[in-house]
Structures are given as C-alpha cells and as structure tokens.
N, C-alpha and C. Protein backbone atom coordinates (compact mmCIF):
# COMPACT_ATOMS: atom_id res chain seq x y z
N UNK A 1 79.10 115.18 108.09
CA UNK A 1 79.38 116.02 106.95
C UNK A 1 80.24 115.23 105.95
N UNK A 2 79.85 115.25 104.72
CA UNK A 2 80.55 114.51 103.69
C UNK A 2 81.24 115.49 102.75
N UNK A 3 82.51 115.21 102.45
CA UNK A 3 83.23 116.04 101.49
C UNK A 3 83.12 115.41 100.12
N UNK A 4 82.63 116.17 99.17
CA UNK A 4 82.46 115.68 97.81
C UNK A 4 83.23 116.61 96.89
N UNK A 5 84.11 116.05 96.09
CA UNK A 5 84.88 116.84 95.14
C UNK A 5 84.05 117.03 93.87
N UNK A 6 83.71 118.26 93.61
CA UNK A 6 82.97 118.56 92.39
C UNK A 6 83.96 118.64 91.23
N UNK A 7 83.56 118.15 90.08
CA UNK A 7 84.48 118.22 88.94
C UNK A 7 84.75 119.67 88.56
N UNK A 8 86.00 119.99 88.42
CA UNK A 8 86.40 121.33 88.05
C UNK A 8 87.88 121.38 87.80
N UNK A 9 88.39 122.59 87.66
CA UNK A 9 89.80 122.76 87.34
C UNK A 9 90.70 122.33 88.49
N UNK A 10 90.32 122.60 89.72
CA UNK A 10 91.15 122.21 90.86
C UNK A 10 91.30 120.71 90.99
N UNK A 11 90.21 120.01 90.80
CA UNK A 11 90.26 118.54 90.85
C UNK A 11 91.07 118.02 89.68
N UNK A 12 90.92 118.62 88.52
CA UNK A 12 91.67 118.18 87.34
C UNK A 12 93.17 118.39 87.52
N UNK A 13 93.57 119.53 88.08
CA UNK A 13 94.98 119.83 88.28
C UNK A 13 95.58 118.89 89.31
N UNK A 14 94.89 118.66 90.40
CA UNK A 14 95.40 117.79 91.45
C UNK A 14 95.51 116.34 90.97
N UNK A 15 94.47 115.85 90.34
CA UNK A 15 94.51 114.48 89.86
C UNK A 15 95.54 114.31 88.74
N UNK A 16 95.72 115.33 87.92
CA UNK A 16 96.72 115.27 86.86
C UNK A 16 98.12 115.20 87.44
N UNK A 17 98.38 115.97 88.48
CA UNK A 17 99.71 115.95 89.10
C UNK A 17 100.01 114.58 89.70
N UNK A 18 99.07 114.04 90.42
CA UNK A 18 99.29 112.74 91.07
C UNK A 18 99.42 111.63 90.02
N UNK A 19 98.53 111.61 89.06
CA UNK A 19 98.56 110.57 88.04
C UNK A 19 99.84 110.65 87.19
N UNK A 20 100.24 111.85 86.82
CA UNK A 20 101.44 111.98 85.99
C UNK A 20 102.69 111.59 86.76
N UNK A 21 102.75 111.89 88.05
CA UNK A 21 103.90 111.47 88.85
C UNK A 21 103.95 109.95 88.98
N UNK A 22 102.80 109.32 89.18
CA UNK A 22 102.77 107.86 89.28
C UNK A 22 103.19 107.19 87.98
N UNK A 23 102.66 107.68 86.86
CA UNK A 23 103.01 107.10 85.57
C UNK A 23 104.48 107.36 85.24
N UNK A 24 104.95 108.58 85.49
CA UNK A 24 106.35 108.90 85.22
C UNK A 24 107.32 108.08 86.04
N UNK A 25 107.02 107.90 87.32
CA UNK A 25 107.90 107.09 88.18
C UNK A 25 107.83 105.61 87.80
N UNK A 26 106.66 105.14 87.45
CA UNK A 26 106.54 103.75 87.00
C UNK A 26 107.29 103.50 85.71
N UNK A 27 107.19 104.44 84.79
CA UNK A 27 107.93 104.30 83.53
C UNK A 27 109.43 104.43 83.77
N UNK A 28 109.84 105.31 84.68
CA UNK A 28 111.27 105.44 85.01
C UNK A 28 111.79 104.15 85.61
N UNK A 29 111.02 103.55 86.50
CA UNK A 29 111.44 102.27 87.08
C UNK A 29 111.60 101.22 85.99
N UNK A 30 110.64 101.15 85.06
CA UNK A 30 110.71 100.17 83.99
C UNK A 30 111.91 100.42 83.08
N UNK A 31 112.12 101.65 82.68
CA UNK A 31 113.21 101.98 81.76
C UNK A 31 114.57 101.76 82.41
N UNK A 32 114.73 102.24 83.63
CA UNK A 32 116.05 102.18 84.25
C UNK A 32 116.37 100.81 84.85
N UNK A 33 115.35 100.07 85.25
CA UNK A 33 115.63 98.74 85.78
C UNK A 33 116.00 97.76 84.67
N UNK A 34 115.51 97.99 83.47
CA UNK A 34 115.85 97.15 82.32
C UNK A 34 117.06 97.69 81.56
N UNK A 35 117.66 98.76 82.07
CA UNK A 35 118.85 99.39 81.48
C UNK A 35 118.61 99.82 80.03
N UNK A 36 117.47 100.46 79.80
CA UNK A 36 117.12 101.00 78.49
C UNK A 36 117.34 102.50 78.43
N UNK A 37 118.14 103.03 79.35
CA UNK A 37 118.25 104.48 79.50
C UNK A 37 118.88 105.15 78.28
N UNK A 38 119.64 104.43 77.46
CA UNK A 38 120.21 105.05 76.28
C UNK A 38 119.15 105.40 75.25
N UNK A 39 118.21 104.50 75.04
CA UNK A 39 117.18 104.70 74.02
C UNK A 39 115.99 105.52 74.55
N UNK A 40 115.63 105.31 75.79
CA UNK A 40 114.39 105.88 76.32
C UNK A 40 114.62 106.77 77.54
N UNK A 41 115.72 107.49 77.59
CA UNK A 41 116.06 108.25 78.78
C UNK A 41 115.05 109.35 79.09
N UNK A 42 114.47 109.97 78.08
CA UNK A 42 113.54 111.07 78.31
C UNK A 42 112.08 110.64 78.32
N UNK A 43 111.82 109.37 78.18
CA UNK A 43 110.43 108.88 78.17
C UNK A 43 109.69 109.16 79.47
N UNK A 44 110.29 108.99 80.65
CA UNK A 44 109.55 109.30 81.88
C UNK A 44 109.17 110.78 81.99
N UNK A 45 110.06 111.67 81.55
CA UNK A 45 109.76 113.10 81.60
C UNK A 45 108.64 113.45 80.62
N UNK A 46 108.70 112.86 79.44
CA UNK A 46 107.65 113.08 78.44
C UNK A 46 106.31 112.55 78.95
N UNK A 47 106.35 111.41 79.63
CA UNK A 47 105.11 110.84 80.18
C UNK A 47 104.50 111.76 81.23
N UNK A 48 105.33 112.35 82.07
CA UNK A 48 104.83 113.28 83.09
C UNK A 48 104.12 114.45 82.42
N UNK A 49 104.72 115.04 81.41
CA UNK A 49 104.13 116.20 80.74
C UNK A 49 102.86 115.82 79.98
N UNK A 50 102.93 114.73 79.22
CA UNK A 50 101.78 114.33 78.40
C UNK A 50 100.58 113.95 79.26
N UNK A 51 100.80 113.16 80.31
CA UNK A 51 99.69 112.76 81.18
C UNK A 51 99.10 113.99 81.87
N UNK A 52 99.95 114.91 82.30
CA UNK A 52 99.45 116.13 82.95
C UNK A 52 98.57 116.93 82.01
N UNK A 53 99.05 117.15 80.80
CA UNK A 53 98.29 117.96 79.84
C UNK A 53 96.98 117.28 79.45
N UNK A 54 97.04 115.98 79.18
CA UNK A 54 95.82 115.26 78.76
C UNK A 54 94.79 115.22 79.88
N UNK A 55 95.22 115.21 81.11
CA UNK A 55 94.28 115.17 82.23
C UNK A 55 93.75 116.55 82.59
N UNK A 56 94.55 117.59 82.44
CA UNK A 56 94.12 118.93 82.86
C UNK A 56 93.23 119.62 81.83
N UNK A 57 93.55 119.49 80.57
CA UNK A 57 92.86 120.28 79.54
C UNK A 57 91.34 120.12 79.57
N UNK A 58 90.78 118.91 79.69
CA UNK A 58 89.32 118.82 79.72
C UNK A 58 88.68 119.50 80.93
N UNK A 59 89.40 119.65 82.03
CA UNK A 59 88.81 120.26 83.23
C UNK A 59 88.98 121.76 83.32
N UNK A 60 89.66 122.39 82.37
CA UNK A 60 89.90 123.83 82.46
C UNK A 60 88.63 124.65 82.27
N UNK A 61 87.73 124.22 81.45
CA UNK A 61 86.52 124.99 81.19
C UNK A 61 85.47 124.90 82.27
N UNK A 62 85.60 123.96 83.21
CA UNK A 62 84.58 123.74 84.24
C UNK A 62 84.96 124.42 85.55
N UNK A 63 85.26 125.67 85.50
CA UNK A 63 85.65 126.38 86.71
C UNK A 63 84.87 127.68 86.83
N UNK A 64 84.65 128.10 88.06
CA UNK A 64 83.95 129.36 88.30
C UNK A 64 84.90 130.55 88.23
N UNK A 65 86.19 130.28 88.22
CA UNK A 65 87.20 131.33 88.16
C UNK A 65 87.48 131.72 86.71
N UNK A 66 88.04 132.90 86.49
CA UNK A 66 88.37 133.32 85.12
C UNK A 66 89.41 132.38 84.50
N UNK A 67 89.26 132.14 83.19
CA UNK A 67 90.13 131.20 82.49
C UNK A 67 91.61 131.59 82.55
N UNK A 68 92.01 132.87 82.42
CA UNK A 68 93.44 133.18 82.53
C UNK A 68 94.04 132.80 83.89
N UNK A 69 93.29 132.97 84.96
CA UNK A 69 93.77 132.60 86.28
C UNK A 69 93.92 131.09 86.40
N UNK A 70 92.94 130.36 85.92
CA UNK A 70 92.99 128.90 85.97
C UNK A 70 94.13 128.38 85.09
N UNK A 71 94.33 129.00 83.93
CA UNK A 71 95.42 128.61 83.05
C UNK A 71 96.78 128.88 83.68
N UNK A 72 96.92 130.01 84.37
CA UNK A 72 98.18 130.32 85.05
C UNK A 72 98.46 129.31 86.16
N UNK A 73 97.44 128.94 86.90
CA UNK A 73 97.61 127.94 87.96
C UNK A 73 97.93 126.58 87.37
N UNK A 74 97.32 126.24 86.24
CA UNK A 74 97.62 124.96 85.59
C UNK A 74 99.05 124.92 85.09
N UNK A 75 99.55 126.03 84.54
CA UNK A 75 100.94 126.07 84.07
C UNK A 75 101.90 126.00 85.25
N UNK A 76 101.60 126.69 86.33
CA UNK A 76 102.43 126.59 87.54
C UNK A 76 102.40 125.18 88.10
N UNK A 77 101.24 124.55 88.08
CA UNK A 77 101.13 123.16 88.52
C UNK A 77 101.94 122.22 87.65
N UNK A 78 101.95 122.47 86.33
CA UNK A 78 102.75 121.65 85.41
C UNK A 78 104.23 121.80 85.71
N UNK A 79 104.67 123.02 85.96
CA UNK A 79 106.07 123.24 86.28
C UNK A 79 106.47 122.55 87.58
N UNK A 80 105.64 122.68 88.61
CA UNK A 80 105.95 122.04 89.89
C UNK A 80 105.90 120.52 89.78
N UNK A 81 104.95 120.00 89.02
CA UNK A 81 104.86 118.55 88.81
C UNK A 81 106.08 118.03 88.08
N UNK A 82 106.52 118.75 87.06
CA UNK A 82 107.72 118.35 86.33
C UNK A 82 108.96 118.43 87.21
N UNK A 83 109.03 119.44 88.07
CA UNK A 83 110.17 119.57 88.98
C UNK A 83 110.22 118.42 89.98
N UNK A 84 109.10 118.11 90.60
CA UNK A 84 109.04 116.99 91.54
C UNK A 84 109.29 115.67 90.81
N UNK A 85 108.72 115.52 89.63
CA UNK A 85 108.94 114.32 88.84
C UNK A 85 110.40 114.15 88.45
N UNK A 86 111.07 115.24 88.11
CA UNK A 86 112.49 115.16 87.75
C UNK A 86 113.33 114.68 88.92
N UNK A 87 113.03 115.15 90.11
CA UNK A 87 113.78 114.70 91.29
C UNK A 87 113.52 113.23 91.56
N UNK A 88 112.26 112.83 91.48
CA UNK A 88 111.94 111.41 91.73
C UNK A 88 112.55 110.50 90.66
N UNK A 89 112.49 110.92 89.41
CA UNK A 89 113.06 110.12 88.33
C UNK A 89 114.58 110.04 88.48
N UNK A 90 115.20 111.12 88.89
CA UNK A 90 116.65 111.10 89.12
C UNK A 90 117.00 110.16 90.27
N UNK A 91 116.18 110.11 91.29
CA UNK A 91 116.42 109.18 92.40
C UNK A 91 116.31 107.74 91.93
N UNK A 92 115.35 107.45 91.06
CA UNK A 92 115.21 106.09 90.52
C UNK A 92 116.40 105.75 89.65
N UNK A 93 116.83 106.68 88.81
CA UNK A 93 118.01 106.45 87.97
C UNK A 93 119.24 106.21 88.81
N UNK A 94 119.41 106.97 89.87
CA UNK A 94 120.58 106.82 90.75
C UNK A 94 120.58 105.47 91.44
N UNK A 95 119.40 104.93 91.72
CA UNK A 95 119.32 103.63 92.36
C UNK A 95 119.83 102.52 91.43
N UNK A 96 119.49 102.62 90.14
CA UNK A 96 119.86 101.57 89.21
C UNK A 96 121.21 101.81 88.52
N UNK A 97 121.68 103.04 88.47
CA UNK A 97 122.96 103.33 87.83
C UNK A 97 123.69 104.41 88.62
N UNK A 98 124.53 104.01 89.59
CA UNK A 98 125.21 105.00 90.44
C UNK A 98 126.15 105.94 89.68
N UNK A 99 126.54 105.58 88.46
CA UNK A 99 127.42 106.46 87.70
C UNK A 99 126.73 107.72 87.20
N UNK A 100 125.41 107.71 87.16
CA UNK A 100 124.65 108.85 86.67
C UNK A 100 124.03 109.68 87.80
N UNK A 101 124.51 109.50 89.00
CA UNK A 101 123.93 110.22 90.14
C UNK A 101 124.33 111.69 90.12
N UNK A 102 123.40 112.53 90.50
CA UNK A 102 123.65 113.94 90.74
C UNK A 102 123.57 114.11 92.25
N UNK A 103 124.47 114.85 92.80
CA UNK A 103 124.47 115.06 94.24
C UNK A 103 123.40 116.07 94.59
N UNK A 104 122.19 115.58 94.90
CA UNK A 104 121.07 116.46 95.22
C UNK A 104 121.16 116.88 96.67
C-alpha cells in the first residue's frame, strides 16, 4: 500500500508550517550569529509569517471541506507555527546573546 499526499489544504498547511519554521530558524541563526539583532531583530518572525501565508493561500481552494472551516484551521495553524517559531527563535537568540535570554 502506498501513501500519496494529494494536493489540498491539509498538505499546504503542513508544508507551510514546516517550511516557515525552517526558513525562520535559518534566518534567526544568520541574523543572531552575525550580531545584526539591532537592525533585523524581527526579520525571522516576519519570515515565518510571510512564508506561511505565501505557501498556504494557493492551497486553500483545493479542499473538499467548506472554506470557512479550512480558513479557521489555517489561521490556527499560523498561530501555532508562530508560537513554535517564537520559542525556537528565542532559543537561537539566547545561544548567541545570553543577555537577551528569557527564562522559558
């Protein structure tokens, strides 16, 4: 038996969450390792949101479920992705600058 992911809203939401977390953490590593946090401190968070939205929006119309339900799940997914991304980005910042650590 072969599992095949059909293109749809669920695949778009999942791939958007993973891709946006990878891009956000990579950008956070680049910004904080080069000590550019004064100028570009919010760039990783913006990258997480922008990549999520750009990846999810084209897949919203390709679902068998009603659009309001899919939209609500996409917004909840965006919130959870941003929350996880914020924790990961804060951990990266804490690694490179211990003065900015939050006791999580």
